[in-house]
Amino acid sequence: MANRRIVAIDGTCIEVADTQENSQYFGRAHVSRGERAAFPQARIVALAERGSHAVFEAVVGSYSIGEIELSRELVSRLSPGMLVLADSCFYGFHL
């Protein structure tokens, strides 16, 4: 694997400011008894260097969009020579 750039792809959700605009755009997670989370949440899928952990590409979307859907946008940002590691969420995922 000489001269390979080792990168990882993964996703997460973060809370964003509790504004009407953010709530409409990003959405809120469902919690118990049919209630909604206290804050809107953005979903992020990112590519990061494995050695430095530096994020060099990312896609941000609404909470309702899944990691796999968002990751499709990142595929075009990969280049030859990269070895991409992914967690079990991406198992069997065809790009």
N, C-alpha and C. Protein backbone atom coordinates (compact mmCIF):
# COMPACT_ATOMS: atom_id res chain seq x y z
N MET A 1 0.81 -1.19 0.00
CA MET A 1 0.00 0.00 0.00
C MET A 1 0.86 1.25 0.00
N ALA A 2 2.02 1.14 -0.56
CA ALA A 2 2.90 2.30 -0.62
C ALA A 2 2.26 3.41 -1.44
N ASN A 3 2.46 4.62 -0.98
CA ASN A 3 1.98 5.82 -1.66
C ASN A 3 0.46 5.91 -1.73
N ARG A 4 -0.22 5.27 -0.82
CA ARG A 4 -1.68 5.40 -0.74
C ARG A 4 -2.03 6.48 0.28
N ARG A 5 -3.02 7.25 -0.03
CA ARG A 5 -3.55 8.24 0.93
C ARG A 5 -4.71 7.55 1.65
N ILE A 6 -4.55 7.27 2.93
CA ILE A 6 -5.57 6.56 3.68
C ILE A 6 -6.53 7.58 4.31
N VAL A 7 -7.80 7.43 3.95
CA VAL A 7 -8.83 8.34 4.43
C VAL A 7 -9.99 7.54 5.00
N ALA A 8 -10.82 8.18 5.77
CA ALA A 8 -12.01 7.54 6.33
C ALA A 8 -13.23 8.38 6.01
N ILE A 9 -14.36 7.69 5.84
CA ILE A 9 -15.64 8.37 5.64
C ILE A 9 -16.54 7.98 6.80
N ASP A 10 -17.22 8.97 7.36
CA ASP A 10 -18.14 8.69 8.46
C ASP A 10 -19.10 9.87 8.60
N GLY A 11 -20.17 9.63 9.31
CA GLY A 11 -21.17 10.66 9.51
C GLY A 11 -21.51 10.85 10.96
N THR A 12 -22.14 11.99 11.24
CA THR A 12 -22.58 12.31 12.58
C THR A 12 -23.69 13.35 12.48
N CYS A 13 -24.34 13.61 13.60
CA CYS A 13 -25.33 14.68 13.68
C CYS A 13 -24.90 15.67 14.74
N ILE A 14 -25.16 16.93 14.48
CA ILE A 14 -24.85 17.98 15.46
C ILE A 14 -26.09 18.85 15.65
N GLU A 15 -26.22 19.39 16.84
CA GLU A 15 -27.30 20.33 17.11
C GLU A 15 -26.93 21.69 16.56
N VAL A 16 -27.92 22.38 16.00
CA VAL A 16 -27.71 23.73 15.49
C VAL A 16 -28.61 24.68 16.27
N ALA A 17 -28.42 25.96 16.07
CA ALA A 17 -29.18 26.97 16.80
C ALA A 17 -30.69 26.75 16.64
N ASP A 18 -31.40 26.97 17.70
CA ASP A 18 -32.85 26.75 17.73
C ASP A 18 -33.58 27.94 17.14
N THR A 19 -33.56 28.00 15.81
CA THR A 19 -34.30 29.05 15.10
C THR A 19 -35.34 28.40 14.21
N GLN A 20 -36.34 29.16 13.82
CA GLN A 20 -37.39 28.66 12.94
C GLN A 20 -36.79 28.21 11.59
N GLU A 21 -35.86 28.99 11.07
CA GLU A 21 -35.24 28.68 9.79
C GLU A 21 -34.47 27.35 9.86
N ASN A 22 -33.69 27.17 10.92
CA ASN A 22 -32.94 25.92 11.08
C ASN A 22 -33.88 24.74 11.28
N SER A 23 -34.94 24.94 12.02
CA SER A 23 -35.90 23.87 12.25
C SER A 23 -36.55 23.43 10.94
N GLN A 24 -36.89 24.38 10.10
CA GLN A 24 -37.51 24.06 8.81
C GLN A 24 -36.52 23.38 7.88
N TYR A 25 -35.28 23.85 7.83
CA TYR A 25 -34.30 23.31 6.89
C TYR A 25 -33.72 21.98 7.36
N PHE A 26 -33.25 21.91 8.61
CA PHE A 26 -32.56 20.73 9.10
C PHE A 26 -33.50 19.69 9.71
N GLY A 27 -34.56 20.11 10.36
CA GLY A 27 -35.48 19.19 11.02
C GLY A 27 -35.01 18.83 12.43
N ARG A 28 -35.84 18.07 13.11
CA ARG A 28 -35.56 17.65 14.48
C ARG A 28 -35.75 16.14 14.59
N ALA A 29 -34.95 15.53 15.42
CA ALA A 29 -35.06 14.10 15.66
C ALA A 29 -36.32 13.80 16.46
N HIS A 30 -36.87 12.61 16.26
CA HIS A 30 -37.98 12.14 17.09
C HIS A 30 -37.41 11.60 18.39
N VAL A 31 -38.09 11.89 19.46
CA VAL A 31 -37.71 11.34 20.77
C VAL A 31 -38.92 10.58 21.31
N SER A 32 -38.88 10.18 22.54
CA SER A 32 -39.95 9.34 23.10
C SER A 32 -41.32 10.01 23.05
N ARG A 33 -42.33 9.19 23.00
CA ARG A 33 -43.75 9.60 23.05
C ARG A 33 -44.13 10.57 21.94
N GLY A 34 -43.51 10.45 20.78
CA GLY A 34 -43.88 11.28 19.64
C GLY A 34 -43.40 12.71 19.69
N GLU A 35 -42.60 13.04 20.69
CA GLU A 35 -42.09 14.41 20.81
C GLU A 35 -40.91 14.60 19.87
N ARG A 36 -40.48 15.84 19.74
CA ARG A 36 -39.31 16.19 18.92
C ARG A 36 -38.17 16.64 19.82
N ALA A 37 -36.96 16.53 19.31
CA ALA A 37 -35.76 16.96 20.05
C ALA A 37 -35.82 18.46 20.32
N ALA A 38 -35.10 18.89 21.33
CA ALA A 38 -35.11 20.30 21.74
C ALA A 38 -34.48 21.22 20.69
N PHE A 39 -33.51 20.70 19.92
CA PHE A 39 -32.81 21.52 18.94
C PHE A 39 -32.85 20.86 17.56
N PRO A 40 -32.87 21.65 16.49
CA PRO A 40 -32.72 21.09 15.15
C PRO A 40 -31.36 20.41 15.03
N GLN A 41 -31.27 19.42 14.15
CA GLN A 41 -30.01 18.71 13.97
C GLN A 41 -29.62 18.66 12.50
N ALA A 42 -28.34 18.89 12.26
CA ALA A 42 -27.76 18.77 10.92
C ALA A 42 -27.01 17.45 10.85
N ARG A 43 -27.10 16.78 9.70
CA ARG A 43 -26.33 15.56 9.48
C ARG A 43 -25.11 15.93 8.66
N ILE A 44 -23.95 15.42 9.06
CA ILE A 44 -22.69 15.69 8.37
C ILE A 44 -22.04 14.36 8.01
N VAL A 45 -21.59 14.25 6.77
CA VAL A 45 -20.76 13.13 6.34
C VAL A 45 -19.45 13.73 5.84
N ALA A 46 -18.33 13.18 6.33
CA ALA A 46 -17.04 13.80 6.03
C ALA A 46 -15.99 12.77 5.63
N LEU A 47 -15.00 13.27 4.91
CA LEU A 47 -13.78 12.51 4.59
C LEU A 47 -12.66 13.11 5.42
N ALA A 48 -11.90 12.24 6.09
CA ALA A 48 -10.82 12.72 6.96
C ALA A 48 -9.56 11.90 6.73
N GLU A 49 -8.42 12.56 6.88
CA GLU A 49 -7.13 11.87 6.85
C GLU A 49 -7.03 10.97 8.07
N ARG A 50 -6.57 9.75 7.89
CA ARG A 50 -6.46 8.83 9.02
C ARG A 50 -5.30 9.20 9.95
N GLY A 51 -4.22 9.70 9.41
CA GLY A 51 -3.09 10.03 10.26
C GLY A 51 -3.30 11.25 11.11
N SER A 52 -3.75 12.33 10.50
CA SER A 52 -3.92 13.60 11.22
C SER A 52 -5.34 13.84 11.73
N HIS A 53 -6.28 13.07 11.21
CA HIS A 53 -7.71 13.22 11.52
C HIS A 53 -8.28 14.53 10.96
N ALA A 54 -7.56 15.17 10.08
CA ALA A 54 -8.03 16.42 9.48
C ALA A 54 -9.14 16.14 8.48
N VAL A 55 -10.27 16.82 8.63
CA VAL A 55 -11.37 16.71 7.68
C VAL A 55 -11.02 17.56 6.47
N PHE A 56 -11.07 16.95 5.27
CA PHE A 56 -10.74 17.72 4.07
C PHE A 56 -11.91 17.85 3.11
N GLU A 57 -12.99 17.14 3.33
CA GLU A 57 -14.22 17.29 2.55
C GLU A 57 -15.39 16.95 3.45
N ALA A 58 -16.52 17.63 3.28
CA ALA A 58 -17.70 17.33 4.07
C ALA A 58 -18.96 17.77 3.33
N VAL A 59 -20.05 17.11 3.65
CA VAL A 59 -21.36 17.45 3.13
C VAL A 59 -22.29 17.61 4.32
N VAL A 60 -23.08 18.67 4.32
CA VAL A 60 -24.03 18.94 5.40
C VAL A 60 -25.43 18.90 4.83
N GLY A 61 -26.32 18.21 5.52
CA GLY A 61 -27.70 18.12 5.07
C GLY A 61 -28.67 18.10 6.22
N SER A 62 -29.93 17.94 5.92
CA SER A 62 -30.95 17.90 6.96
C SER A 62 -30.89 16.56 7.71
N TYR A 63 -31.46 16.54 8.88
CA TYR A 63 -31.47 15.35 9.71
C TYR A 63 -32.15 14.17 9.00
N SER A 64 -33.12 14.45 8.18
CA SER A 64 -33.90 13.40 7.52
C SER A 64 -33.15 12.70 6.39
N ILE A 65 -32.04 13.25 5.94
CA ILE A 65 -31.25 12.63 4.86
C ILE A 65 -30.23 11.69 5.49
N GLY A 66 -30.17 10.47 5.02
CA GLY A 66 -29.27 9.48 5.58
C GLY A 66 -27.82 9.67 5.17
N GLU A 67 -26.93 9.04 5.94
CA GLU A 67 -25.49 9.12 5.67
C GLU A 67 -25.14 8.61 4.27
N ILE A 68 -25.76 7.52 3.86
CA ILE A 68 -25.42 6.94 2.56
C ILE A 68 -25.80 7.89 1.43
N GLU A 69 -26.96 8.50 1.53
CA GLU A 69 -27.36 9.47 0.50
C GLU A 69 -26.40 10.65 0.44
N LEU A 70 -26.02 11.19 1.58
CA LEU A 70 -25.08 12.31 1.60
C LEU A 70 -23.70 11.90 1.09
N SER A 71 -23.30 10.66 1.38
CA SER A 71 -21.96 10.22 0.98
C SER A 71 -21.80 10.13 -0.53
N ARG A 72 -22.88 9.98 -1.24
CA ARG A 72 -22.79 9.91 -2.72
C ARG A 72 -22.16 11.18 -3.30
N GLU A 73 -22.40 12.29 -2.65
CA GLU A 73 -21.80 13.55 -3.11
C GLU A 73 -20.29 13.57 -2.89
N LEU A 74 -19.82 12.86 -1.87
CA LEU A 74 -18.39 12.85 -1.56
C LEU A 74 -17.58 11.97 -2.52
N VAL A 75 -18.21 11.00 -3.14
CA VAL A 75 -17.48 10.07 -4.01
C VAL A 75 -16.74 10.81 -5.12
N SER A 76 -17.34 11.83 -5.66
CA SER A 76 -16.69 12.58 -6.75
C SER A 76 -15.46 13.33 -6.27
N ARG A 77 -15.31 13.47 -4.96
CA ARG A 77 -14.17 14.21 -4.40
C ARG A 77 -13.00 13.30 -4.04
N LEU A 78 -13.17 11.99 -4.24
CA LEU A 78 -12.08 11.05 -4.04
C LEU A 78 -11.19 11.07 -5.27
N SER A 79 -9.92 10.73 -5.08
CA SER A 79 -9.00 10.72 -6.22
C SER A 79 -8.25 9.39 -6.25
N PRO A 80 -7.69 9.04 -7.41
CA PRO A 80 -6.92 7.80 -7.52
C PRO A 80 -5.82 7.74 -6.47
N GLY A 81 -5.60 6.55 -5.93
CA GLY A 81 -4.57 6.37 -4.92
C GLY A 81 -5.07 6.47 -3.50
N MET A 82 -6.35 6.80 -3.32
CA MET A 82 -6.90 6.87 -1.96
C MET A 82 -7.43 5.50 -1.56
N LEU A 83 -7.17 5.12 -0.33
CA LEU A 83 -7.76 3.93 0.27
C LEU A 83 -8.77 4.44 1.29
N VAL A 84 -10.05 4.12 1.07
CA VAL A 84 -11.12 4.67 1.89
C VAL A 84 -11.61 3.62 2.89
N LEU A 85 -11.57 3.96 4.16
CA LEU A 85 -12.09 3.11 5.23
C LEU A 85 -13.46 3.64 5.63
N ALA A 86 -14.36 2.71 5.98
CA ALA A 86 -15.71 3.12 6.38
C ALA A 86 -16.21 2.21 7.49
N ASP A 87 -17.16 2.71 8.28
CA ASP A 87 -17.71 1.90 9.35
C ASP A 87 -18.82 0.99 8.81
N SER A 88 -19.44 0.23 9.70
CA SER A 88 -20.42 -0.77 9.29
C SER A 88 -21.67 -0.18 8.64
N CYS A 89 -21.94 1.09 8.84
CA CYS A 89 -23.08 1.73 8.18
C CYS A 89 -22.97 1.65 6.67
N PHE A 90 -21.75 1.59 6.16
CA PHE A 90 -21.50 1.60 4.72
C PHE A 90 -21.30 0.18 4.16
N TYR A 91 -21.51 -0.85 4.98
CA TYR A 91 -21.33 -2.23 4.54
C TYR A 91 -22.26 -2.52 3.38
N GLY A 92 -21.71 -3.06 2.31
CA GLY A 92 -22.51 -3.43 1.16
C GLY A 92 -22.98 -2.27 0.32
N PHE A 93 -22.51 -1.10 0.62
CA PHE A 93 -22.93 0.11 -0.08
C PHE A 93 -22.24 0.21 -1.43
N HIS A 94 -23.02 0.33 -2.48
CA HIS A 94 -22.47 0.42 -3.83
C HIS A 94 -22.40 1.87 -4.29
N LEU A 95 -21.21 2.30 -4.62
CA LEU A 95 -21.05 3.66 -5.13
C LEU A 95 -20.78 3.59 -6.62
